[in-house]
Amino acid sequence: MRRVTLMMSVSLDGFVEGPGRDIGWHLVDDELHRHFNDELRAMGAFLTGRVTHEMMAAFWPTADDDPANAGPVAEFAGIWRSMPKYVYSRTLPRADAWNSTLVREVVPAEVAALKAAPGGDLALGGADLAASFLRHDLVDAYRIYVHPVRIGRGTPLFPPDAAAAPLRLEGTRSFGNGVVQLRYGRPGPDARTGPA
């Protein structure tokens, strides 16, 4: 069974973006970008909301056409284009290209069917969509990237009304730029352990 894995960058004080959707404080250098590529290449699909999808679709389809985007940036453009994407939105009129499927609502039975399909885990991104998955208790694993910065205000990673949920530490990793990855999963004998 595949897992729904919440993968998000977060400030030390718990925000995924600052006011005005600012993510300029993200410290993504080549080392971290290569790591993201390795993690995301192994996934079976991306689960995103409209805002995250539109932000990604504005850059990644042709990012590798620009010679300035060599290395891990160009590599991720290919990963993003080829990966199946489930875009959760009530307002998008249709799914665009790039291997995307439009989904109107987070329906637990439909998510269970996605998890039961063959392939890699499902990478969940976007604060609003993550909050919906958390309300339905659909998140199985966490890959949280803590950036060494406090931004003071913005969009929190976890909604303030989120219920308590015990987690099991699967591992940590620190990067040269000061970012630390925290890997957590559900406790219990049925939880799969990710690579160390």
C-alpha atoms as a PDB file:
ATOM      1  CA  MET A   1       0.000   0.000   0.000  1.00  0.00           C
ATOM      2  CA  ARG A   2       1.383   3.394  -0.956  1.00  0.00           C
ATOM      3  CA  ARG A   3       1.526   6.191   1.577  1.00  0.00           C
ATOM      4  CA  VAL A   4       0.326   9.783   1.333  1.00  0.00           C
ATOM      5  CA  THR A   5       3.502  11.677   2.213  1.00  0.00           C
ATOM      6  CA  LEU A   6       3.272  15.344   3.142  1.00  0.00           C
ATOM      7  CA  MET A   7       6.408  17.040   1.763  1.00  0.00           C
ATOM      8  CA  MET A   8       6.734  20.694   2.724  1.00  0.00           C
ATOM      9  CA  SER A   9       9.370  23.301   3.467  1.00  0.00           C
ATOM     10  CA  VAL A  10       8.724  25.246   6.651  1.00  0.00           C
ATOM     11  CA  SER A  11      10.323  28.103   8.558  1.00  0.00           C
ATOM     12  CA  LEU A  12      11.617  27.431  12.059  1.00  0.00           C
ATOM     13  CA  ASP A  13       8.486  29.109  13.427  1.00  0.00           C
ATOM     14  CA  GLY A  14       6.174  26.827  11.443  1.00  0.00           C
ATOM     15  CA  PHE A  15       5.147  28.751   8.314  1.00  0.00           C
ATOM     16  CA  VAL A  16       5.159  27.385   4.765  1.00  0.00           C
ATOM     17  CA  GLU A  17       4.913  30.845   3.208  1.00  0.00           C
ATOM     18  CA  GLY A  18       5.054  34.430   4.333  1.00  0.00           C
ATOM     19  CA  PRO A  19       2.532  37.197   3.650  1.00  0.00           C
ATOM     20  CA  GLY A  20       1.635  37.495  -0.022  1.00  0.00           C
ATOM     21  CA  ARG A  21       2.606  33.814  -0.564  1.00  0.00           C
ATOM     22  CA  ASP A  22       6.295  34.763  -0.182  1.00  0.00           C
ATOM     23  CA  ILE A  23       8.654  31.776  -0.335  1.00  0.00           C
ATOM     24  CA  GLY A  24      11.771  33.793  -1.068  1.00  0.00           C
ATOM     25  CA  TRP A  25      13.226  32.626   2.254  1.00  0.00           C
ATOM     26  CA  HIS A  26      13.440  28.986   1.041  1.00  0.00           C
ATOM     27  CA  LEU A  27      17.113  27.966   0.945  1.00  0.00           C
ATOM     28  CA  VAL A  28      17.215  25.585  -2.021  1.00  0.00           C
ATOM     29  CA  ASP A  29      20.782  25.092  -3.226  1.00  0.00           C
ATOM     30  CA  ASP A  30      22.054  22.365  -5.577  1.00  0.00           C
ATOM     31  CA  GLU A  31      22.546  19.835  -2.748  1.00  0.00           C
ATOM     32  CA  LEU A  32      18.988  20.218  -1.465  1.00  0.00           C
ATOM     33  CA  HIS A  33      17.531  20.347  -4.981  1.00  0.00           C
ATOM     34  CA  ARG A  34      19.275  17.071  -5.906  1.00  0.00           C
ATOM     35  CA  HIS A  35      17.831  15.531  -2.742  1.00  0.00           C
ATOM     36  CA  PHE A  36      14.327  16.769  -3.668  1.00  0.00           C
ATOM     37  CA  ASN A  37      14.775  15.259  -7.127  1.00  0.00           C
ATOM     38  CA  ASP A  38      15.803  11.894  -5.668  1.00  0.00           C
ATOM     39  CA  GLU A  39      12.851  11.867  -3.252  1.00  0.00           C
ATOM     40  CA  LEU A  40      10.273  13.007  -5.805  1.00  0.00           C
ATOM     41  CA  ARG A  41      11.487  10.825  -8.681  1.00  0.00           C
ATOM     42  CA  ALA A  42      10.556   7.770  -6.568  1.00  0.00           C
ATOM     43  CA  MET A  43       7.000   8.991  -5.964  1.00  0.00           C
ATOM     44  CA  GLY A  44       3.998   7.612  -7.795  1.00  0.00           C
ATOM     45  CA  ALA A  45       2.105  10.909  -8.139  1.00  0.00           C
ATOM     46  CA  PHE A  46       1.909  14.493  -6.936  1.00  0.00           C
ATOM     47  CA  LEU A  47      -1.204  15.611  -5.031  1.00  0.00           C
ATOM     48  CA  THR A  48      -1.561  19.395  -5.077  1.00  0.00           C
ATOM     49  CA  GLY A  49      -4.114  22.128  -4.733  1.00  0.00           C
ATOM     50  CA  ARG A  50      -4.859  24.721  -7.384  1.00  0.00           C
ATOM     51  CA  VAL A  51      -2.474  27.394  -6.068  1.00  0.00           C
ATOM     52  CA  THR A  52       0.523  25.061  -5.854  1.00  0.00           C
ATOM     53  CA  HIS A  53      -0.258  23.520  -9.228  1.00  0.00           C
ATOM     54  CA  GLU A  54      -0.589  26.893 -10.965  1.00  0.00           C
ATOM     55  CA  MET A  55       2.678  28.074  -9.412  1.00  0.00           C
ATOM     56  CA  MET A  56       4.450  24.921 -10.614  1.00  0.00           C
ATOM     57  CA  ALA A  57       2.811  25.015 -14.058  1.00  0.00           C
ATOM     58  CA  ALA A  58       3.966  28.600 -14.565  1.00  0.00           C
ATOM     59  CA  PHE A  59       7.624  27.568 -14.471  1.00  0.00           C
ATOM     60  CA  TRP A  60       8.407  23.846 -14.730  1.00  0.00           C
ATOM     61  CA  PRO A  61       6.991  22.845 -18.146  1.00  0.00           C
ATOM     62  CA  THR A  62       9.770  24.723 -19.968  1.00  0.00           C
ATOM     63  CA  ALA A  63      12.323  25.357 -17.201  1.00  0.00           C
ATOM     64  CA  ASP A  64      14.909  23.116 -18.851  1.00  0.00           C
ATOM     65  CA  ASP A  65      14.742  25.155 -22.100  1.00  0.00           C
ATOM     66  CA  ASP A  66      16.754  27.895 -20.387  1.00  0.00           C
ATOM     67  CA  PRO A  67      20.506  27.115 -20.276  1.00  0.00           C
ATOM     68  CA  ALA A  68      20.693  29.043 -16.986  1.00  0.00           C
ATOM     69  CA  ASN A  69      18.630  26.263 -15.381  1.00  0.00           C
ATOM     70  CA  ALA A  70      21.164  23.479 -15.835  1.00  0.00           C
ATOM     71  CA  GLY A  71      21.755  20.762 -13.271  1.00  0.00           C
ATOM     72  CA  PRO A  72      19.096  19.799 -10.730  1.00  0.00           C
ATOM     73  CA  VAL A  73      16.645  22.491 -11.860  1.00  0.00           C
ATOM     74  CA  ALA A  74      16.572  21.159 -15.434  1.00  0.00           C
ATOM     75  CA  GLU A  75      16.393  17.611 -14.109  1.00  0.00           C
ATOM     76  CA  PHE A  76      13.339  18.407 -11.985  1.00  0.00           C
ATOM     77  CA  ALA A  77      11.548  19.916 -14.988  1.00  0.00           C
ATOM     78  CA  GLY A  78      11.555  16.456 -16.580  1.00  0.00           C
ATOM     79  CA  ILE A  79      10.454  14.798 -13.335  1.00  0.00           C
ATOM     80  CA  TRP A  80       7.586  17.263 -12.929  1.00  0.00           C
ATOM     81  CA  ARG A  81       6.326  16.915 -16.514  1.00  0.00           C
ATOM     82  CA  SER A  82       6.289  13.109 -16.477  1.00  0.00           C
ATOM     83  CA  MET A  83       4.873  12.578 -12.967  1.00  0.00           C
ATOM     84  CA  PRO A  84       1.115  11.944 -12.715  1.00  0.00           C
ATOM     85  CA  LYS A  85      -0.507  14.903 -10.966  1.00  0.00           C
ATOM     86  CA  TYR A  86      -3.844  15.022  -9.132  1.00  0.00           C
ATOM     87  CA  VAL A  87      -4.942  18.650  -8.846  1.00  0.00           C
ATOM     88  CA  TYR A  88      -7.617  19.300  -6.214  1.00  0.00           C
ATOM     89  CA  SER A  89      -9.728  22.322  -7.125  1.00  0.00           C
ATOM     90  CA  ARG A  90     -13.361  23.382  -7.140  1.00  0.00           C
ATOM     91  CA  THR A  91     -12.630  26.341  -9.420  1.00  0.00           C
ATOM     92  CA  LEU A  92     -10.355  25.137 -12.224  1.00  0.00           C
ATOM     93  CA  PRO A  93     -12.511  24.546 -15.312  1.00  0.00           C
ATOM     94  CA  ARG A  94     -10.420  21.595 -16.507  1.00  0.00           C
ATOM     95  CA  ALA A  95      -7.134  19.815 -16.003  1.00  0.00           C
ATOM     96  CA  ASP A  96      -4.366  21.221 -18.139  1.00  0.00           C
ATOM     97  CA  ALA A  97      -1.722  19.144 -19.871  1.00  0.00           C
ATOM     98  CA  TRP A  98       1.359  17.725 -18.185  1.00  0.00           C
ATOM     99  CA  ASN A  99      -0.199  14.461 -17.033  1.00  0.00           C
ATOM    100  CA  SER A 100      -2.752  16.157 -14.739  1.00  0.00           C
ATOM    101  CA  THR A 101      -6.095  14.900 -13.461  1.00  0.00           C
ATOM    102  CA  LEU A 102      -8.590  17.340 -11.941  1.00  0.00           C
ATOM    103  CA  VAL A 103     -10.230  16.244  -8.665  1.00  0.00           C
ATOM    104  CA  ARG A 104     -13.038  18.346  -7.168  1.00  0.00           C
ATOM    105  CA  GLU A 105     -13.135  17.110  -3.552  1.00  0.00           C
ATOM    106  CA  VAL A 106     -10.986  15.186  -1.088  1.00  0.00           C
ATOM    107  CA  VAL A 107     -12.976  11.952  -0.814  1.00  0.00           C
ATOM    108  CA  PRO A 108     -11.390   9.406   1.544  1.00  0.00           C
ATOM    109  CA  ALA A 109     -12.573   6.408  -0.505  1.00  0.00           C
ATOM    110  CA  GLU A 110     -10.998   7.870  -3.651  1.00  0.00           C
ATOM    111  CA  VAL A 111      -7.739   8.529  -1.815  1.00  0.00           C
ATOM    112  CA  ALA A 112      -7.808   4.937  -0.530  1.00  0.00           C
ATOM    113  CA  ALA A 113      -8.145   3.722  -4.128  1.00  0.00           C
ATOM    114  CA  LEU A 114      -5.128   5.841  -5.151  1.00  0.00           C
ATOM    115  CA  LYS A 115      -3.145   4.365  -2.264  1.00  0.00           C
ATOM    116  CA  ALA A 116      -4.095   0.843  -3.298  1.00  0.00           C
ATOM    117  CA  ALA A 117      -2.871   1.329  -6.869  1.00  0.00           C
ATOM    118  CA  PRO A 118       0.644   0.149  -7.759  1.00  0.00           C
ATOM    119  CA  GLY A 119       3.582   2.518  -7.745  1.00  0.00           C
ATOM    120  CA  GLY A 120       5.445   4.827  -5.442  1.00  0.00           C
ATOM    121  CA  ASP A 121       4.093   6.894  -2.571  1.00  0.00           C
ATOM    122  CA  LEU A 122       1.926   9.955  -3.170  1.00  0.00           C
ATOM    123  CA  ALA A 123       3.616  13.331  -2.559  1.00  0.00           C
ATOM    124  CA  LEU A 124       1.173  15.776  -0.966  1.00  0.00           C
ATOM    125  CA  GLY A 125       1.943  19.504  -1.210  1.00  0.00           C
ATOM    126  CA  GLY A 126       0.209  22.784  -0.448  1.00  0.00           C
ATOM    127  CA  ALA A 127      -0.974  24.063   2.935  1.00  0.00           C
ATOM    128  CA  ASP A 128      -4.704  24.193   2.146  1.00  0.00           C
ATOM    129  CA  LEU A 129      -4.812  20.729   0.599  1.00  0.00           C
ATOM    130  CA  ALA A 130      -2.683  19.327   3.428  1.00  0.00           C
ATOM    131  CA  ALA A 131      -5.165  20.753   5.952  1.00  0.00           C
ATOM    132  CA  SER A 132      -8.011  18.947   4.177  1.00  0.00           C
ATOM    133  CA  PHE A 133      -6.087  15.653   4.101  1.00  0.00           C
ATOM    134  CA  LEU A 134      -5.244  16.072   7.794  1.00  0.00           C
ATOM    135  CA  ARG A 135      -8.920  16.677   8.677  1.00  0.00           C
ATOM    136  CA  HIS A 136      -9.733  13.354   7.011  1.00  0.00           C
ATOM    137  CA  ASP A 137      -6.735  11.622   8.687  1.00  0.00           C
ATOM    138  CA  LEU A 138      -5.277  10.745   5.275  1.00  0.00           C
ATOM    139  CA  VAL A 139      -1.610  11.670   5.848  1.00  0.00           C
ATOM    140  CA  ASP A 140       0.586   8.620   6.475  1.00  0.00           C
ATOM    141  CA  ALA A 141       4.072  10.135   6.453  1.00  0.00           C
ATOM    142  CA  TYR A 142       5.800  13.488   6.737  1.00  0.00           C
ATOM    143  CA  ARG A 143       8.922  14.837   5.051  1.00  0.00           C
ATOM    144  CA  ILE A 144       9.275  18.270   6.621  1.00  0.00           C
ATOM    145  CA  TYR A 145      12.184  20.507   5.616  1.00  0.00           C
ATOM    146  CA  VAL A 146      12.918  23.047   8.347  1.00  0.00           C
ATOM    147  CA  HIS A 147      14.719  26.124   6.998  1.00  0.00           C
ATOM    148  CA  PRO A 148      16.936  28.106   9.382  1.00  0.00           C
ATOM    149  CA  VAL A 149      14.854  31.270   9.381  1.00  0.00           C
ATOM    150  CA  ARG A 150      12.020  32.809  11.397  1.00  0.00           C
ATOM    151  CA  ILE A 151       9.545  34.763   9.280  1.00  0.00           C
ATOM    152  CA  GLY A 152       7.127  35.871  12.012  1.00  0.00           C
ATOM    153  CA  ARG A 153       3.838  35.436  10.193  1.00  0.00           C
ATOM    154  CA  GLY A 154       2.283  33.757   7.194  1.00  0.00           C
ATOM    155  CA  THR A 155       0.530  30.482   6.394  1.00  0.00           C
ATOM    156  CA  PRO A 156       1.120  27.844   9.083  1.00  0.00           C
ATOM    157  CA  LEU A 157       2.015  24.310   8.049  1.00  0.00           C
ATOM    158  CA  PHE A 158      -0.580  22.818  10.375  1.00  0.00           C
ATOM    159  CA  PRO A 159      -4.018  24.353  10.905  1.00  0.00           C
ATOM    160  CA  PRO A 160      -4.612  25.553  14.478  1.00  0.00           C
ATOM    161  CA  ASP A 161      -7.594  23.196  14.855  1.00  0.00           C
ATOM    162  CA  ALA A 162      -5.631  20.069  13.877  1.00  0.00           C
ATOM    163  CA  ALA A 163      -6.201  17.148  16.225  1.00  0.00           C
ATOM    164  CA  ALA A 164      -3.304  15.646  18.156  1.00  0.00           C
ATOM    165  CA  ALA A 165      -1.674  12.739  16.320  1.00  0.00           C
ATOM    166  CA  PRO A 166       1.247  10.722  17.676  1.00  0.00           C
ATOM    167  CA  LEU A 167       3.994  10.105  15.126  1.00  0.00           C
ATOM    168  CA  ARG A 168       7.054   7.865  14.878  1.00  0.00           C
ATOM    169  CA  LEU A 169      10.421   9.362  13.963  1.00  0.00           C
ATOM    170  CA  GLU A 170      11.807   7.612  10.869  1.00  0.00           C
ATOM    171  CA  GLY A 171      14.939   9.700  10.542  1.00  0.00           C
ATOM    172  CA  THR A 172      16.565  13.078  10.078  1.00  0.00           C
ATOM    173  CA  ARG A 173      19.041  14.589   7.670  1.00  0.00           C
ATOM    174  CA  SER A 174      20.862  17.896   7.733  1.00  0.00           C
ATOM    175  CA  PHE A 175      22.091  19.776   4.675  1.00  0.00           C
ATOM    176  CA  GLY A 176      25.037  22.110   4.245  1.00  0.00           C
ATOM    177  CA  ASN A 177      22.793  25.172   3.962  1.00  0.00           C
ATOM    178  CA  GLY A 178      21.296  24.571   7.430  1.00  0.00           C
ATOM    179  CA  VAL A 179      18.032  22.943   6.293  1.00  0.00           C
ATOM    180  CA  VAL A 180      17.045  19.874   8.328  1.00  0.00           C
ATOM    181  CA  GLN A 181      14.726  17.156   7.034  1.00  0.00           C
ATOM    182  CA  LEU A 182      12.462  15.502   9.606  1.00  0.00           C
ATOM    183  CA  ARG A 183      10.874  12.183   8.583  1.00  0.00           C
ATOM    184  CA  TYR A 184       7.870  10.906  10.527  1.00  0.00           C
ATOM    185  CA  GLY A 185       5.329   8.150   9.990  1.00  0.00           C
ATOM    186  CA  ARG A 186       2.320   6.727  11.742  1.00  0.00           C
ATOM    187  CA  PRO A 187       3.160   4.648  14.807  1.00  0.00           C
ATOM    188  CA  GLY A 188       2.309   0.966  14.893  1.00  0.00           C
ATOM    189  CA  PRO A 189       3.222  -2.296  13.238  1.00  0.00           C
ATOM    190  CA  ASP A 190       1.579  -1.399   9.904  1.00  0.00           C
ATOM    191  CA  ALA A 191       3.757   1.698   9.339  1.00  0.00           C
ATOM    192  CA  ARG A 192       6.401   1.271   6.657  1.00  0.00           C
ATOM    193  CA  THR A 193       9.826   2.637   7.392  1.00  0.00           C
ATOM    194  CA  GLY A 194      11.361   4.843   4.755  1.00  0.00           C
ATOM    195  CA  PRO A 195      15.065   4.813   3.873  1.00  0.00           C
ATOM    196  CA  ALA A 196      17.442   6.201   6.480  1.00  0.00           C
END
